[in-house]
């Protein structure tokens, strides 16, 4: 084989198996130690169309982007001691008045979970009172409402049923007609195998047959790399084929050393380079970067250019 010049080392090898989907979004978890990572998710060609950050306000890293470029979906994470506090409603309305096209909002984060595991730990009746104060007015304005995202545990469905029953009771107080609270889609969270995820979604659909499902946190936590990648690819295919899966956000937008769901679930290795899963999720091809690796360059380095992978062979110390 002839020795190639640097300019001829670029070998076009065709399109990868990467998929694309307008359902795909970002659970944004900023790392103040490596703020440069924030721009990876919105690089040219990224397949991500929307994000949420567990807050009511857009993240500073993306305020320069329009809603058409990268849609922000506000969330009311939990409640205060004043269950009639309308801070969330007021802040979302302020965004709308400023010209931000807010089309969807998310309810409380894992209210059936404890604070020790990241849950907001809210009693169903308390959540219902805060919902009526903050979400019902937005729904009347045409904003689509996402129910609270419970955990994937056995207490999630009972919590939701009790929440909706309490919500209806609160709305009907002082009225002769009992009116159910309104909602438009149902977020779910899951951190175990694919069969369990499909079962959870099936359970929610059996309870609410016409529900649109958003999978707003998911991963197969603490697994080996092969199992993690197989789960990841199976879920993307599953979500993209089902019309009632409205949107989804994989929980992995961080470096492996900061991951609390196992290093192999992460989008970035320890040097901030896209892993296979991270690159696939953005709609690109495999990188062959191991999640636990610390090196910023591999013997074979891949770049995504114009929707194809260009492979540069590292020869004669040129890279």
Protein backbone atom coordinates (compact mmCIF):
# COMPACT_ATOMS: atom_id res chain seq x y z
CA UNK A 1 0.00 0.00 0.00
CA UNK A 2 1.36 3.42 -0.92
CA UNK A 3 2.05 6.00 1.78
CA UNK A 4 -0.63 8.67 1.55
CA UNK A 5 -0.23 12.41 1.87
CA UNK A 6 -2.17 14.17 4.62
CA UNK A 7 -4.71 15.52 2.15
CA UNK A 8 -5.43 12.05 0.80
CA UNK A 9 -5.85 10.46 4.22
CA UNK A 10 -9.51 11.54 4.30
CA UNK A 11 -11.45 8.50 3.18
CA UNK A 12 -15.17 8.81 2.66
CA UNK A 13 -16.73 5.60 3.93
CA UNK A 14 -20.45 6.44 3.56
CA UNK A 15 -23.36 6.97 5.87
CA UNK A 16 -23.39 5.27 9.25
CA UNK A 17 -26.25 3.52 11.01
CA UNK A 18 -27.06 6.69 12.93
CA UNK A 19 -30.76 7.52 13.06
CA UNK A 20 -32.47 10.87 13.28
CA UNK A 21 -35.69 11.93 14.98
CA UNK A 22 -37.48 15.17 15.74
CA UNK A 23 -38.67 13.60 19.01
CA UNK A 24 -35.19 13.57 20.49
CA UNK A 25 -34.28 16.09 23.19
CA UNK A 26 -31.82 16.88 25.96
CA UNK A 27 -32.01 16.53 29.73
CA UNK A 28 -29.62 19.41 30.34
CA UNK A 29 -27.35 18.95 33.36
CA UNK A 30 -24.67 21.63 33.10
CA UNK A 31 -21.19 20.99 34.46
CA UNK A 32 -19.65 24.23 35.70
CA UNK A 33 -16.17 22.67 35.56
CA UNK A 34 -16.43 22.00 31.80
CA UNK A 35 -18.82 24.60 30.33
CA UNK A 36 -17.45 23.89 26.86
CA UNK A 37 -19.44 20.65 26.89
CA UNK A 38 -22.70 22.63 26.69
CA UNK A 39 -22.17 23.45 23.03
CA UNK A 40 -21.66 19.84 21.97
CA UNK A 41 -25.42 19.22 22.05
CA UNK A 42 -26.20 22.10 19.68
CA UNK A 43 -23.33 21.71 17.21
CA UNK A 44 -24.10 21.83 13.51
CA UNK A 45 -25.99 18.74 12.44
CA UNK A 46 -27.14 17.78 15.94
CA UNK A 47 -30.44 15.91 15.95
CA UNK A 48 -31.61 17.43 19.23
CA UNK A 49 -34.59 19.75 18.84
CA UNK A 50 -35.59 20.59 22.42
CA UNK A 51 -34.43 20.53 26.02
CA UNK A 52 -35.49 20.94 29.63
CA UNK A 53 -33.35 21.74 32.67
CA UNK A 54 -35.69 21.08 35.65
CA UNK A 55 -36.33 24.83 35.87
CA UNK A 56 -38.76 27.47 34.64
CA UNK A 57 -36.07 29.58 32.96
CA UNK A 58 -33.93 28.80 29.87
CA UNK A 59 -30.29 27.90 30.47
CA UNK A 60 -27.81 30.76 29.83
CA UNK A 61 -25.85 28.49 27.45
CA UNK A 62 -28.79 28.48 25.03
CA UNK A 63 -30.46 31.86 25.43
CA UNK A 64 -29.01 32.99 22.10
CA UNK A 65 -30.92 30.23 20.32
CA UNK A 66 -34.52 30.70 19.23
CA UNK A 67 -37.27 28.23 20.12
CA UNK A 68 -37.23 27.11 16.48
CA UNK A 69 -33.55 26.23 16.83
CA UNK A 70 -33.65 24.59 20.26
CA UNK A 71 -36.98 24.57 22.04
CA UNK A 72 -36.97 25.15 25.80
CA UNK A 73 -39.66 23.37 27.84
CA UNK A 74 -40.09 24.82 31.36
CA UNK A 75 -40.58 22.53 34.37
CA UNK A 76 -42.02 23.18 37.82
CA UNK A 77 -39.69 20.86 39.75
CA UNK A 78 -41.43 20.93 43.15
CA UNK A 79 -43.56 23.03 45.48
CA UNK A 80 -42.99 25.55 48.26
CA UNK A 81 -44.73 25.73 51.63
CA UNK A 82 -47.23 28.07 49.97
CA UNK A 83 -49.11 25.69 47.69
CA UNK A 84 -50.88 28.61 46.01
CA UNK A 85 -47.59 30.24 45.04
CA UNK A 86 -47.80 31.14 41.33
CA UNK A 87 -44.10 31.89 40.73
CA UNK A 88 -43.89 29.24 38.02
CA UNK A 89 -46.98 30.55 36.24
CA UNK A 90 -45.71 34.13 36.47
CA UNK A 91 -42.25 33.23 35.11
CA UNK A 92 -43.63 31.25 32.18
CA UNK A 93 -46.05 34.05 31.35
CA UNK A 94 -43.16 36.51 31.48
CA UNK A 95 -41.27 34.41 28.91
CA UNK A 96 -44.34 34.36 26.68
CA UNK A 97 -44.80 38.13 26.97
CA UNK A 98 -41.12 38.57 26.02
CA UNK A 99 -41.82 36.71 22.79
CA UNK A 100 -40.60 33.22 23.71
CA UNK A 101 -42.87 30.66 22.08
CA UNK A 102 -43.58 28.34 25.01
CA UNK A 103 -45.74 25.50 23.72
CA UNK A 104 -45.26 22.82 26.43
CA UNK A 105 -44.54 22.71 30.16
CA UNK A 106 -43.59 19.84 32.47
CA UNK A 107 -45.04 18.98 35.86
CA UNK A 108 -43.24 17.97 39.04
CA UNK A 109 -40.08 15.83 39.01
CA UNK A 110 -40.55 12.38 40.60
CA UNK A 111 -42.99 13.58 43.29
CA UNK A 112 -43.36 9.99 44.52
CA UNK A 113 -39.59 9.79 45.07
CA UNK A 114 -37.50 10.93 48.01
CA UNK A 115 -35.13 13.88 48.04
CA UNK A 116 -32.21 11.48 48.51
CA UNK A 117 -32.77 10.07 45.01
CA UNK A 118 -33.56 13.39 43.32
CA UNK A 119 -37.32 13.28 43.79
CA UNK A 120 -39.44 16.26 44.80
CA UNK A 121 -41.35 14.22 47.45
CA UNK A 122 -44.79 15.84 47.19
CA UNK A 123 -48.05 14.48 48.57
CA UNK A 124 -50.64 14.05 45.79
CA UNK A 125 -53.08 16.55 47.31
CA UNK A 126 -50.37 19.20 47.75
CA UNK A 127 -49.24 18.66 44.17
CA UNK A 128 -52.84 19.00 42.99
CA UNK A 129 -53.27 22.35 44.72
CA UNK A 130 -50.05 23.71 43.21
CA UNK A 131 -51.06 22.33 39.79
CA UNK A 132 -54.41 24.11 39.83
CA UNK A 133 -52.68 27.39 40.71
CA UNK A 134 -49.93 27.15 38.08
CA UNK A 135 -50.81 24.77 35.27
CA UNK A 136 -54.54 25.16 34.70
CA UNK A 137 -54.18 28.84 33.70
CA UNK A 138 -51.45 27.91 31.22
CA UNK A 139 -53.63 25.17 29.76
CA UNK A 140 -56.41 27.69 29.18
CA UNK A 141 -53.89 29.79 27.23
CA UNK A 142 -53.19 26.88 24.90
CA UNK A 143 -49.92 25.64 26.46
CA UNK A 144 -49.68 21.83 26.45
CA UNK A 145 -49.43 20.38 29.95
CA UNK A 146 -47.25 17.41 30.95
CA UNK A 147 -48.34 15.51 34.04
CA UNK A 148 -45.87 15.03 36.91
CA UNK A 149 -43.13 12.55 35.97
CA UNK A 150 -43.24 9.84 38.61
CA UNK A 151 -40.49 7.29 39.18
CA UNK A 152 -40.54 3.92 37.49
CA UNK A 153 -41.27 2.28 40.84
CA UNK A 154 -44.54 0.59 41.85
CA UNK A 155 -45.75 3.72 43.62
CA UNK A 156 -45.78 5.86 40.47
CA UNK A 157 -49.16 4.89 39.03
CA UNK A 158 -51.05 5.03 42.36
CA UNK A 159 -49.53 8.46 43.00
CA UNK A 160 -50.76 9.74 39.62
CA UNK A 161 -54.26 8.37 40.17
CA UNK A 162 -54.48 9.98 43.60
CA UNK A 163 -53.09 13.26 42.24
CA UNK A 164 -55.74 13.43 39.52
CA UNK A 165 -58.51 12.57 41.98
CA UNK A 166 -57.34 15.32 44.35
CA UNK A 167 -56.90 17.73 41.46
CA UNK A 168 -60.50 17.22 40.40
CA UNK A 169 -61.73 17.77 43.95
CA UNK A 170 -59.85 21.07 44.24
CA UNK A 171 -61.10 22.39 40.92
CA UNK A 172 -64.69 21.54 41.80
CA UNK A 173 -64.67 23.30 45.19
CA UNK A 174 -67.29 26.04 45.14
CA UNK A 175 -68.66 24.80 41.82
CA UNK A 176 -71.78 22.78 41.13
CA UNK A 177 -70.02 20.88 38.35
CA UNK A 178 -67.05 18.62 39.06
CA UNK A 179 -64.42 19.21 36.36
CA UNK A 180 -61.31 17.09 35.83
CA UNK A 181 -57.98 18.83 35.61
CA UNK A 182 -56.66 19.06 32.09
CA UNK A 183 -53.42 17.55 30.78
CA UNK A 184 -52.00 16.77 27.36
CA UNK A 185 -49.17 14.26 27.76
CA UNK A 186 -47.71 11.88 30.30
CA UNK A 187 -43.95 11.87 31.10
CA UNK A 188 -42.32 8.70 32.43
CA UNK A 189 -38.91 7.85 33.92
CA UNK A 190 -37.11 4.49 33.76
CA UNK A 191 -33.66 3.12 34.70
CA UNK A 192 -33.86 -0.61 34.15
CA UNK A 193 -34.10 -3.04 31.21
CA UNK A 194 -36.05 -2.66 27.99
CA UNK A 195 -38.78 -5.17 28.90
CA UNK A 196 -39.54 -3.19 32.03
CA UNK A 197 -39.63 0.09 30.12
CA UNK A 198 -42.07 -1.34 27.55
CA UNK A 199 -44.19 -2.74 30.37
CA UNK A 200 -44.29 0.63 32.15
CA UNK A 201 -45.37 2.42 28.98
CA UNK A 202 -47.96 -0.30 28.33
CA UNK A 203 -49.33 0.11 31.86
CA UNK A 204 -49.74 3.86 31.39
CA UNK A 205 -51.43 3.37 28.02
CA UNK A 206 -53.78 0.77 29.49
CA UNK A 207 -54.77 3.26 32.19
CA UNK A 208 -55.05 6.22 29.79
CA UNK A 209 -55.50 4.67 26.30
CA UNK A 210 -55.20 7.92 24.37
CA UNK A 211 -52.23 9.30 26.29
CA UNK A 212 -49.23 10.74 24.49
CA UNK A 213 -46.11 9.52 26.32
CA UNK A 214 -42.92 11.52 26.83
CA UNK A 215 -39.96 9.52 28.17
CA UNK A 216 -38.19 12.39 29.91
CA UNK A 217 -35.51 10.40 31.78
CA UNK A 218 -34.28 6.96 30.91
CA UNK A 219 -31.23 4.71 30.79
CA UNK A 220 -30.28 1.15 31.73
CA UNK A 221 -28.21 2.10 34.75
CA UNK A 222 -24.93 0.53 35.84
CA UNK A 223 -24.53 -2.04 33.04
CA UNK A 224 -21.57 -3.19 30.98
CA UNK A 225 -20.91 -1.36 27.72
CA UNK A 226 -22.42 -3.94 25.36
CA UNK A 227 -25.65 -4.21 27.37
CA UNK A 228 -25.89 -0.43 27.63
CA UNK A 229 -25.46 0.06 23.88
CA UNK A 230 -27.93 -2.70 23.00
CA UNK A 231 -30.55 -1.14 25.28
CA UNK A 232 -29.89 2.31 23.86
CA UNK A 233 -30.31 1.22 20.23
CA UNK A 234 -33.40 -0.85 21.02
CA UNK A 235 -35.11 2.07 22.73
CA UNK A 236 -34.43 4.56 19.94
CA UNK A 237 -35.92 2.18 17.39
CA UNK A 238 -38.92 1.54 19.67
CA UNK A 239 -39.63 5.19 20.43
CA UNK A 240 -39.28 6.38 16.85
CA UNK A 241 -41.71 3.75 15.54
CA UNK A 242 -44.53 4.45 18.02
CA UNK A 243 -46.80 7.39 17.21
CA UNK A 244 -47.89 7.78 20.84
CA UNK A 245 -44.30 8.38 22.01
CA UNK A 246 -44.30 12.15 21.58
CA UNK A 247 -40.75 12.92 22.70
CA UNK A 248 -37.89 11.37 24.62
CA UNK A 249 -34.71 12.41 26.44
CA UNK A 250 -31.98 9.93 27.34
CA UNK A 251 -30.23 10.63 30.63
CA UNK A 252 -26.58 10.75 29.65
CA UNK A 253 -25.49 14.27 28.65
CA UNK A 254 -22.40 14.36 30.87
CA UNK A 255 -18.90 12.96 31.21
CA UNK A 256 -18.61 9.40 32.43
CA UNK A 257 -16.78 10.36 35.62
CA UNK A 258 -19.77 12.46 36.76
CA UNK A 259 -22.45 9.94 35.79
CA UNK A 260 -24.75 8.71 38.56
CA UNK A 261 -26.25 6.00 36.31
CA UNK A 262 -22.99 4.23 35.52
CA UNK A 263 -20.09 5.37 33.30
CA UNK A 264 -21.23 3.43 30.23
CA UNK A 265 -24.50 5.37 29.93
CA UNK A 266 -22.71 8.68 29.38
CA UNK A 267 -22.57 10.69 26.15
CA UNK A 268 -19.00 11.86 26.83
CA UNK A 269 -15.80 10.18 27.96
CA UNK A 270 -13.65 11.67 30.70
CA UNK A 271 -11.98 14.03 28.20
CA UNK A 272 -15.29 15.36 26.87
CA UNK A 273 -15.29 13.39 23.60
CA UNK A 274 -18.50 11.86 22.27
CA UNK A 275 -18.91 8.17 23.00
CA UNK A 276 -20.74 5.93 20.54
CA UNK A 277 -24.00 6.47 22.43
CA UNK A 278 -23.50 10.22 22.57
CA UNK A 279 -22.73 10.45 18.86
CA UNK A 280 -25.60 8.15 17.88
CA UNK A 281 -28.03 10.18 19.96
CA UNK A 282 -27.01 13.36 18.14
CA UNK A 283 -27.66 11.58 14.84
CA UNK A 284 -24.02 10.96 13.95
CA UNK A 285 -21.95 7.79 13.56
CA UNK A 286 -19.89 5.68 15.95
CA UNK A 287 -16.75 7.25 17.41
CA UNK A 288 -15.20 4.17 19.05
CA UNK A 289 -14.45 6.34 22.09
CA UNK A 290 -14.73 4.28 25.27
CA UNK A 291 -16.79 6.01 27.99
CA UNK A 292 -14.14 5.48 30.68
CA UNK A 293 -11.21 6.61 28.54
CA UNK A 294 -9.38 9.80 29.39
CA UNK A 295 -7.49 10.40 26.14
CA UNK A 296 -8.82 13.07 23.82
CA UNK A 297 -7.60 11.22 20.72
CA UNK A 298 -7.78 7.61 19.66
CA UNK A 299 -5.55 5.87 17.10
CA UNK A 300 -8.41 6.29 14.64
CA UNK A 301 -10.27 9.57 15.00
CA UNK A 302 -13.69 10.27 13.48
CA UNK A 303 -15.30 13.55 12.51
CA UNK A 304 -18.84 14.10 11.29
CA UNK A 305 -18.93 16.25 8.17
CA UNK A 306 -22.05 16.83 6.08
CA UNK A 307 -23.81 13.77 7.52
CA UNK A 308 -21.01 11.31 6.72
CA UNK A 309 -18.07 9.99 8.70
CA UNK A 310 -14.58 10.89 7.61
CA UNK A 311 -11.88 8.65 9.02
CA UNK A 312 -8.39 10.02 9.37
CA UNK A 313 -5.67 7.44 9.79
CA UNK A 314 -3.03 8.51 12.25
CA UNK A 315 0.11 7.90 10.23
CA UNK A 316 3.67 9.12 10.67
CA UNK A 317 2.67 11.27 13.67
CA UNK A 318 0.53 13.53 11.53
CA UNK A 319 -2.18 13.66 14.23
